[in-house]
């Protein structure tokens, strides 16, 4: 099933997961720096730099806005993909350290840019609130271009 809108994505969730997902989405929207836009991106809820702001877009496909954060409900967990965690090691280290200080009973389940939350009561909403606001659109574009410099074709 192709998801066409943020609302249809949320409505497709089980009631139990929907409540947690809506809370996490609310934290993101409240703290997302100006200029990012919410839309369906890669089959998930995405927060992107729109083409109106960054016409070059994402290198992985023509006319794709530059992704920043994605939020997904997977089979066994909720995922938060924050590409800034991958692009800035010190940001990942900060998040991991702060998560550890909270002494949750389970260790952080994380990949390069993905935070997986299997236990809804262990979602660190306050840390995510801080994390989301740490990189502006301008800073994200700069970080992205450091890893993907413009070429003569862009």
N, C-alpha and C. Protein backbone atom coordinates (compact mmCIF):
# COMPACT_ATOMS: atom_id res chain seq x y z
N UNK A 1 0.85 -1.19 0.00
CA UNK A 1 0.00 0.00 0.00
C UNK A 1 0.88 1.24 0.00
N UNK A 2 0.63 2.13 -0.94
CA UNK A 2 1.39 3.36 -1.03
C UNK A 2 0.74 4.41 -0.13
N UNK A 3 1.55 4.98 0.74
CA UNK A 3 1.07 6.02 1.66
C UNK A 3 1.17 7.36 0.93
N UNK A 4 0.08 8.09 0.88
CA UNK A 4 0.02 9.35 0.15
C UNK A 4 0.19 10.58 1.03
N UNK A 5 -0.11 10.45 2.33
CA UNK A 5 -0.05 11.63 3.19
C UNK A 5 0.38 11.25 4.60
N UNK A 6 0.81 12.25 5.34
CA UNK A 6 1.20 12.05 6.74
C UNK A 6 0.01 11.50 7.52
N UNK A 7 -1.16 12.06 7.29
CA UNK A 7 -2.36 11.63 8.00
C UNK A 7 -2.68 10.16 7.72
N UNK A 8 -2.55 9.75 6.46
CA UNK A 8 -2.85 8.34 6.14
C UNK A 8 -1.80 7.41 6.76
N UNK A 9 -0.56 7.87 6.87
CA UNK A 9 0.47 7.07 7.53
C UNK A 9 0.09 6.85 9.00
N UNK A 10 -0.26 7.92 9.67
CA UNK A 10 -0.62 7.83 11.09
C UNK A 10 -1.88 7.01 11.30
N UNK A 11 -2.88 7.21 10.45
CA UNK A 11 -4.13 6.48 10.58
C UNK A 11 -3.97 4.98 10.35
N UNK A 12 -2.93 4.57 9.65
CA UNK A 12 -2.69 3.15 9.38
C UNK A 12 -2.05 2.43 10.57
N UNK A 13 -1.61 3.17 11.58
CA UNK A 13 -0.95 2.59 12.75
C UNK A 13 -1.98 2.01 13.72
N UNK A 14 -1.55 1.02 14.50
CA UNK A 14 -2.42 0.52 15.56
C UNK A 14 -2.64 1.64 16.57
N UNK A 15 -3.73 1.58 17.30
CA UNK A 15 -4.05 2.64 18.25
C UNK A 15 -2.94 2.83 19.28
N UNK A 16 -2.39 1.73 19.78
CA UNK A 16 -1.33 1.80 20.79
C UNK A 16 -0.08 2.51 20.24
N UNK A 17 0.31 2.17 19.04
CA UNK A 17 1.51 2.79 18.45
C UNK A 17 1.22 4.22 17.99
N UNK A 18 -0.01 4.46 17.58
CA UNK A 18 -0.38 5.78 17.08
C UNK A 18 -0.15 6.85 18.15
N UNK A 19 -0.52 6.55 19.37
CA UNK A 19 -0.38 7.52 20.46
C UNK A 19 1.09 7.93 20.65
N UNK A 20 1.98 6.96 20.69
CA UNK A 20 3.41 7.23 20.85
C UNK A 20 3.94 7.98 19.64
N UNK A 21 3.53 7.53 18.46
CA UNK A 21 3.99 8.14 17.21
C UNK A 21 3.56 9.60 17.12
N UNK A 22 2.32 9.87 17.48
CA UNK A 22 1.82 11.25 17.43
C UNK A 22 2.59 12.13 18.40
N UNK A 23 2.89 11.61 19.57
CA UNK A 23 3.67 12.38 20.55
C UNK A 23 5.07 12.69 20.01
N UNK A 24 5.71 11.69 19.42
CA UNK A 24 7.05 11.89 18.86
C UNK A 24 7.01 12.88 17.70
N UNK A 25 6.04 12.75 16.85
CA UNK A 25 5.88 13.68 15.73
C UNK A 25 5.67 15.10 16.24
N UNK A 26 4.88 15.25 17.27
CA UNK A 26 4.61 16.56 17.85
C UNK A 26 5.90 17.21 18.39
N UNK A 27 6.73 16.41 19.05
CA UNK A 27 8.01 16.91 19.56
C UNK A 27 8.88 17.39 18.39
N UNK A 28 8.89 16.63 17.31
CA UNK A 28 9.69 17.01 16.15
C UNK A 28 9.16 18.31 15.56
N UNK A 29 7.86 18.37 15.29
CA UNK A 29 7.29 19.57 14.67
C UNK A 29 7.49 20.82 15.52
N UNK A 30 7.37 20.67 16.82
CA UNK A 30 7.50 21.82 17.72
C UNK A 30 8.92 22.38 17.73
N UNK A 31 9.92 21.52 17.49
CA UNK A 31 11.31 21.93 17.63
C UNK A 31 12.10 21.98 16.32
N UNK A 32 11.47 21.63 15.23
CA UNK A 32 12.12 21.63 13.93
C UNK A 32 12.43 23.06 13.50
N UNK A 33 13.69 23.34 13.17
CA UNK A 33 14.01 24.70 12.74
C UNK A 33 13.23 25.12 11.49
N UNK A 34 13.04 26.39 11.36
CA UNK A 34 12.31 26.96 10.23
C UNK A 34 12.99 26.57 8.91
N UNK A 35 12.17 26.23 7.93
CA UNK A 35 12.67 25.92 6.60
C UNK A 35 12.52 24.45 6.22
N UNK A 36 12.54 23.56 7.20
CA UNK A 36 12.30 22.15 6.91
C UNK A 36 10.81 21.96 6.66
N UNK A 37 10.47 20.94 5.88
CA UNK A 37 9.06 20.67 5.58
C UNK A 37 8.75 19.21 5.86
N UNK A 38 7.57 18.95 6.40
CA UNK A 38 7.11 17.60 6.65
C UNK A 38 6.40 17.08 5.40
N UNK A 39 6.75 15.84 5.02
CA UNK A 39 6.09 15.19 3.88
C UNK A 39 6.37 13.70 3.94
N UNK A 40 5.71 12.95 3.09
CA UNK A 40 6.04 11.53 2.97
C UNK A 40 7.32 11.45 2.15
N UNK A 41 8.29 10.73 2.72
CA UNK A 41 9.62 10.62 2.10
C UNK A 41 10.11 9.19 2.32
N UNK A 42 10.37 8.49 1.24
CA UNK A 42 10.84 7.10 1.33
C UNK A 42 9.85 6.22 2.09
N UNK A 43 8.56 6.48 1.94
CA UNK A 43 7.55 5.66 2.59
C UNK A 43 7.38 5.91 4.08
N UNK A 44 8.02 6.97 4.57
CA UNK A 44 7.95 7.33 5.99
C UNK A 44 7.55 8.80 6.07
N UNK A 45 7.34 9.26 7.31
CA UNK A 45 7.16 10.70 7.49
C UNK A 45 8.56 11.31 7.48
N UNK A 46 8.74 12.26 6.61
CA UNK A 46 10.06 12.86 6.46
C UNK A 46 10.04 14.36 6.71
N UNK A 47 11.18 14.85 7.13
CA UNK A 47 11.40 16.27 7.33
C UNK A 47 12.57 16.62 6.44
N UNK A 48 12.30 17.42 5.43
CA UNK A 48 13.24 17.64 4.34
C UNK A 48 13.51 19.12 4.12
N UNK A 49 14.60 19.38 3.39
CA UNK A 49 14.86 20.73 2.89
C UNK A 49 14.18 20.77 1.52
N UNK A 50 13.13 21.55 1.37
CA UNK A 50 12.39 21.56 0.10
C UNK A 50 13.24 22.09 -1.05
N UNK A 51 12.88 21.67 -2.24
CA UNK A 51 13.60 22.10 -3.44
C UNK A 51 13.56 23.62 -3.62
N UNK A 52 12.53 24.27 -3.08
CA UNK A 52 12.47 25.74 -3.19
C UNK A 52 13.63 26.39 -2.44
N UNK A 53 14.09 25.74 -1.39
CA UNK A 53 15.21 26.27 -0.60
C UNK A 53 16.54 25.75 -1.13
N UNK A 54 16.57 24.48 -1.52
CA UNK A 54 17.80 23.85 -1.99
C UNK A 54 17.50 23.12 -3.30
N UNK A 55 17.50 23.85 -4.42
CA UNK A 55 17.10 23.28 -5.72
C UNK A 55 17.97 22.11 -6.18
N UNK A 56 19.20 22.04 -5.69
CA UNK A 56 20.08 20.93 -6.07
C UNK A 56 19.50 19.59 -5.61
N UNK A 57 18.82 19.60 -4.49
CA UNK A 57 18.18 18.39 -3.99
C UNK A 57 19.15 17.33 -3.53
N UNK A 58 18.62 16.15 -3.38
CA UNK A 58 19.37 15.02 -2.85
C UNK A 58 20.06 14.27 -3.99
N UNK A 59 21.28 13.88 -3.78
CA UNK A 59 22.07 13.23 -4.83
C UNK A 59 21.52 11.88 -5.29
N UNK A 60 20.71 11.24 -4.48
CA UNK A 60 20.24 9.89 -4.78
C UNK A 60 19.14 9.84 -5.83
N UNK A 61 18.59 10.96 -6.19
CA UNK A 61 17.53 10.94 -7.20
C UNK A 61 17.18 12.33 -7.68
N UNK A 62 16.81 12.40 -8.93
CA UNK A 62 16.45 13.68 -9.53
C UNK A 62 15.19 14.24 -8.88
N UNK A 63 15.23 15.50 -8.55
CA UNK A 63 14.10 16.23 -7.98
C UNK A 63 13.65 15.70 -6.62
N UNK A 64 14.57 15.13 -5.86
CA UNK A 64 14.25 14.71 -4.50
C UNK A 64 14.72 15.78 -3.53
N UNK A 65 13.85 16.22 -2.62
CA UNK A 65 14.31 17.18 -1.61
C UNK A 65 15.36 16.53 -0.71
N UNK A 66 16.18 17.35 -0.11
CA UNK A 66 17.25 16.88 0.76
C UNK A 66 16.66 16.36 2.07
N UNK A 67 16.78 15.05 2.35
CA UNK A 67 16.23 14.51 3.60
C UNK A 67 17.05 14.95 4.80
N UNK A 68 16.38 15.03 5.94
CA UNK A 68 17.03 15.41 7.19
C UNK A 68 16.66 14.41 8.29
N UNK A 69 15.37 14.25 8.54
CA UNK A 69 14.86 13.34 9.57
C UNK A 69 13.73 12.53 8.95
N UNK A 70 13.67 11.25 9.31
CA UNK A 70 12.51 10.42 8.95
C UNK A 70 12.01 9.73 10.20
N UNK A 71 10.73 9.52 10.23
CA UNK A 71 10.07 8.88 11.36
C UNK A 71 9.24 7.72 10.80
N UNK A 72 9.46 6.52 11.37
CA UNK A 72 8.78 5.34 10.83
C UNK A 72 8.34 4.40 11.95
N UNK A 73 7.22 3.76 11.72
CA UNK A 73 6.76 2.70 12.62
C UNK A 73 7.09 1.39 11.94
N UNK A 74 8.10 0.70 12.44
CA UNK A 74 8.50 -0.60 11.91
C UNK A 74 7.72 -1.69 12.65
N UNK A 75 7.93 -2.92 12.28
CA UNK A 75 7.18 -4.02 12.89
C UNK A 75 7.39 -4.11 14.40
N UNK A 76 8.63 -3.98 14.86
CA UNK A 76 8.93 -4.18 16.27
C UNK A 76 9.44 -2.94 17.00
N UNK A 77 9.47 -1.82 16.35
CA UNK A 77 9.98 -0.61 16.99
C UNK A 77 9.60 0.63 16.19
N UNK A 78 9.83 1.77 16.80
CA UNK A 78 9.67 3.05 16.12
C UNK A 78 11.07 3.54 15.80
N UNK A 79 11.27 3.97 14.57
CA UNK A 79 12.57 4.45 14.12
C UNK A 79 12.57 5.95 13.91
N UNK A 80 13.65 6.55 14.34
CA UNK A 80 13.90 7.96 14.05
C UNK A 80 15.24 8.00 13.32
N UNK A 81 15.20 8.39 12.06
CA UNK A 81 16.41 8.52 11.25
C UNK A 81 16.78 10.00 11.25
N UNK A 82 17.92 10.31 11.82
CA UNK A 82 18.40 11.70 11.86
C UNK A 82 19.74 11.72 11.16
N UNK A 83 19.76 12.22 9.95
CA UNK A 83 20.99 12.16 9.16
C UNK A 83 22.11 13.00 9.75
N UNK A 84 21.77 13.96 10.59
CA UNK A 84 22.80 14.73 11.27
C UNK A 84 23.63 13.87 12.22
N UNK A 85 23.03 12.82 12.78
CA UNK A 85 23.78 11.91 13.65
C UNK A 85 24.87 11.19 12.87
N UNK A 86 24.62 10.95 11.59
CA UNK A 86 25.59 10.29 10.72
C UNK A 86 26.65 11.29 10.25
N UNK A 87 26.22 12.50 9.96
CA UNK A 87 27.12 13.51 9.40
C UNK A 87 28.03 14.16 10.44
N UNK A 88 27.58 14.18 11.70
CA UNK A 88 28.35 14.83 12.76
C UNK A 88 28.54 13.85 13.92
N UNK A 89 29.72 13.25 13.98
CA UNK A 89 29.98 12.27 15.02
C UNK A 89 29.80 12.86 16.41
N UNK A 90 30.20 14.11 16.60
CA UNK A 90 30.06 14.71 17.93
C UNK A 90 28.59 14.84 18.33
N UNK A 91 27.69 14.99 17.37
CA UNK A 91 26.26 15.04 17.67
C UNK A 91 25.78 13.66 18.13
N UNK A 92 26.20 12.62 17.43
CA UNK A 92 25.85 11.26 17.86
C UNK A 92 26.40 10.98 19.26
N UNK A 93 27.66 11.35 19.48
CA UNK A 93 28.28 11.12 20.79
C UNK A 93 27.53 11.85 21.90
N UNK A 94 27.10 13.08 21.62
CA UNK A 94 26.31 13.84 22.60
C UNK A 94 25.02 13.10 22.91
N UNK A 95 24.29 12.69 21.86
CA UNK A 95 23.00 12.03 22.07
C UNK A 95 23.18 10.73 22.85
N UNK A 96 24.15 9.93 22.44
CA UNK A 96 24.40 8.65 23.12
C UNK A 96 24.76 8.87 24.59
N UNK A 97 25.61 9.84 24.85
CA UNK A 97 26.01 10.14 26.23
C UNK A 97 24.84 10.58 27.08
N UNK A 98 24.00 11.43 26.54
CA UNK A 98 22.84 11.91 27.29
C UNK A 98 21.84 10.77 27.52
N UNK A 99 21.67 9.91 26.53
CA UNK A 99 20.78 8.75 26.70
C UNK A 99 21.29 7.86 27.82
N UNK A 100 22.60 7.63 27.86
CA UNK A 100 23.20 6.78 28.90
C UNK A 100 23.00 7.39 30.29
N UNK A 101 23.10 8.71 30.40
CA UNK A 101 22.93 9.38 31.69
C UNK A 101 21.55 9.13 32.28
N UNK A 102 20.56 8.93 31.43
CA UNK A 102 19.19 8.73 31.90
C UNK A 102 18.99 7.33 32.47
N UNK A 103 19.95 6.46 32.27
CA UNK A 103 19.97 5.12 32.84
C UNK A 103 18.71 4.31 32.52
N UNK A 104 18.36 4.28 31.26
CA UNK A 104 17.27 3.41 30.83
C UNK A 104 17.72 1.97 31.01
N UNK A 105 16.78 1.05 31.24
CA UNK A 105 17.17 -0.35 31.46
C UNK A 105 17.74 -1.03 30.21
N UNK A 106 17.47 -0.47 29.03
CA UNK A 106 17.97 -1.06 27.79
C UNK A 106 18.95 -0.08 27.13
N UNK A 107 19.97 -0.64 26.51
CA UNK A 107 20.93 0.24 25.83
C UNK A 107 20.29 0.83 24.58
N UNK A 108 20.85 1.93 24.11
CA UNK A 108 20.36 2.59 22.91
C UNK A 108 20.59 1.68 21.71
N UNK A 109 19.55 1.44 20.95
CA UNK A 109 19.64 0.65 19.73
C UNK A 109 19.77 1.64 18.59
N UNK A 110 20.98 1.77 18.07
CA UNK A 110 21.23 2.80 17.07
C UNK A 110 22.12 2.29 15.96
N UNK A 111 21.88 2.80 14.76
CA UNK A 111 22.74 2.58 13.61
C UNK A 111 23.41 3.89 13.28
N UNK A 112 23.87 4.03 12.04
CA UNK A 112 24.60 5.24 11.65
C UNK A 112 23.74 6.50 11.80
N UNK A 113 22.50 6.43 11.38
CA UNK A 113 21.62 7.58 11.53
C UNK A 113 20.29 7.20 12.17
N UNK A 114 20.15 5.94 12.53
CA UNK A 114 18.86 5.43 12.98
C UNK A 114 18.84 5.16 14.47
N UNK A 115 17.81 5.66 15.12
CA UNK A 115 17.54 5.35 16.52
C UNK A 115 16.30 4.49 16.54
N UNK A 116 16.40 3.29 17.13
CA UNK A 116 15.28 2.36 17.17
C UNK A 116 14.77 2.26 18.60
N UNK A 117 13.48 2.50 18.77
CA UNK A 117 12.87 2.47 20.10
C UNK A 117 11.86 1.33 20.16
N UNK A 118 12.26 0.24 20.78
CA UNK A 118 11.39 -0.93 20.93
C UNK A 118 10.43 -0.74 22.10
N UNK A 119 10.87 0.01 23.09
CA UNK A 119 10.08 0.22 24.30
C UNK A 119 9.59 1.67 24.33
N UNK A 120 8.31 1.90 24.11
CA UNK A 120 7.79 3.27 24.04
C UNK A 120 8.09 4.10 25.28
N UNK A 121 8.17 3.46 26.44
CA UNK A 121 8.43 4.22 27.66
C UNK A 121 9.90 4.64 27.77
N UNK A 122 10.72 4.24 26.83
CA UNK A 122 12.12 4.63 26.83
C UNK A 122 12.46 5.62 25.72
N UNK A 123 11.46 6.16 25.09
CA UNK A 123 11.72 7.20 24.08
C UNK A 123 12.09 8.47 24.82
N UNK A 124 13.29 8.99 24.60
CA UNK A 124 13.74 10.18 25.32
C UNK A 124 13.24 11.46 24.63
N UNK A 125 11.96 11.75 24.84
CA UNK A 125 11.34 12.88 24.15
C UNK A 125 12.12 14.18 24.38
N UNK A 126 12.62 14.38 25.60
CA UNK A 126 13.36 15.61 25.89
C UNK A 126 14.66 15.68 25.09
N UNK A 127 15.34 14.57 24.92
CA UNK A 127 16.57 14.55 24.13
C UNK A 127 16.28 14.74 22.64
N UNK A 128 15.21 14.13 22.18
CA UNK A 128 14.84 14.29 20.78
C UNK A 128 14.45 15.74 20.51
N UNK A 129 13.79 16.34 21.47
CA UNK A 129 13.44 17.77 21.36
C UNK A 129 14.71 18.60 21.14
N UNK A 130 15.73 18.34 21.93
CA UNK A 130 17.00 19.06 21.79
C UNK A 130 17.68 18.72 20.48
N UNK A 131 17.74 17.45 20.15
CA UNK A 131 18.41 16.98 18.94
C UNK A 131 17.85 17.63 17.69
N UNK A 132 16.54 17.65 17.59
CA UNK A 132 15.87 18.18 16.40
C UNK A 132 16.24 19.65 16.15
N UNK A 133 16.41 20.40 17.22
CA UNK A 133 16.69 21.83 17.07
C UNK A 133 18.16 22.19 16.92
N UNK A 134 19.05 21.22 16.93
CA UNK A 134 20.48 21.50 16.93
C UNK A 134 21.06 21.87 15.56
N UNK A 135 20.37 21.55 14.48
CA UNK A 135 20.90 21.83 13.14
C UNK A 135 19.86 22.62 12.34
N UNK A 136 20.24 23.80 11.90
CA UNK A 136 19.36 24.62 11.07
C UNK A 136 19.41 24.12 9.63
N UNK A 137 18.49 24.61 8.80
CA UNK A 137 18.49 24.26 7.38
C UNK A 137 19.84 24.63 6.76
N UNK A 138 20.31 25.83 7.07
CA UNK A 138 21.59 26.29 6.49
C UNK A 138 22.74 25.39 6.92
N UNK A 139 22.76 25.04 8.21
CA UNK A 139 23.82 24.16 8.71
C UNK A 139 23.72 22.77 8.08
N UNK A 140 22.50 22.26 7.88
CA UNK A 140 22.34 20.95 7.28
C UNK A 140 22.81 20.94 5.83
N UNK A 141 22.49 21.98 5.09
CA UNK A 141 22.94 22.07 3.70
C UNK A 141 24.48 22.10 3.65
N UNK A 142 25.07 22.89 4.53
CA UNK A 142 26.53 22.97 4.58
C UNK A 142 27.14 21.60 4.91
N UNK A 143 26.62 20.93 5.91
CA UNK A 143 27.11 19.59 6.26
C UNK A 143 26.95 18.62 5.09
N UNK A 144 25.80 18.66 4.44
CA UNK A 144 25.54 17.79 3.30
C UNK A 144 26.55 18.05 2.18
N UNK A 145 26.79 19.31 1.89
CA UNK A 145 27.70 19.65 0.80
C UNK A 145 29.15 19.30 1.12
N UNK A 146 29.50 19.26 2.40
CA UNK A 146 30.84 18.82 2.76
C UNK A 146 31.06 17.36 2.35
N UNK A 147 30.03 16.56 2.41
CA UNK A 147 30.13 15.16 2.01
C UNK A 147 29.78 14.91 0.55
N UNK A 148 29.08 15.86 -0.04
CA UNK A 148 28.63 15.73 -1.45
C UNK A 148 28.82 17.07 -2.15
N UNK A 149 30.08 17.45 -2.42
CA UNK A 149 30.31 18.78 -3.00
C UNK A 149 29.62 18.93 -4.36
N UNK A 150 29.13 20.13 -4.62
CA UNK A 150 28.51 20.37 -5.94
C UNK A 150 29.53 20.12 -7.04
N UNK A 151 29.03 19.58 -8.15
CA UNK A 151 29.87 19.38 -9.33
C UNK A 151 29.39 20.31 -10.42
N UNK A 152 30.04 20.29 -11.52
CA UNK A 152 29.61 21.12 -12.66
C UNK A 152 28.24 20.75 -13.16
N UNK A 153 27.77 19.54 -12.82
CA UNK A 153 26.44 19.08 -13.29
C UNK A 153 25.33 19.53 -12.35
N UNK A 154 25.67 20.02 -11.16
CA UNK A 154 24.63 20.38 -10.18
C UNK A 154 24.40 21.86 -10.18
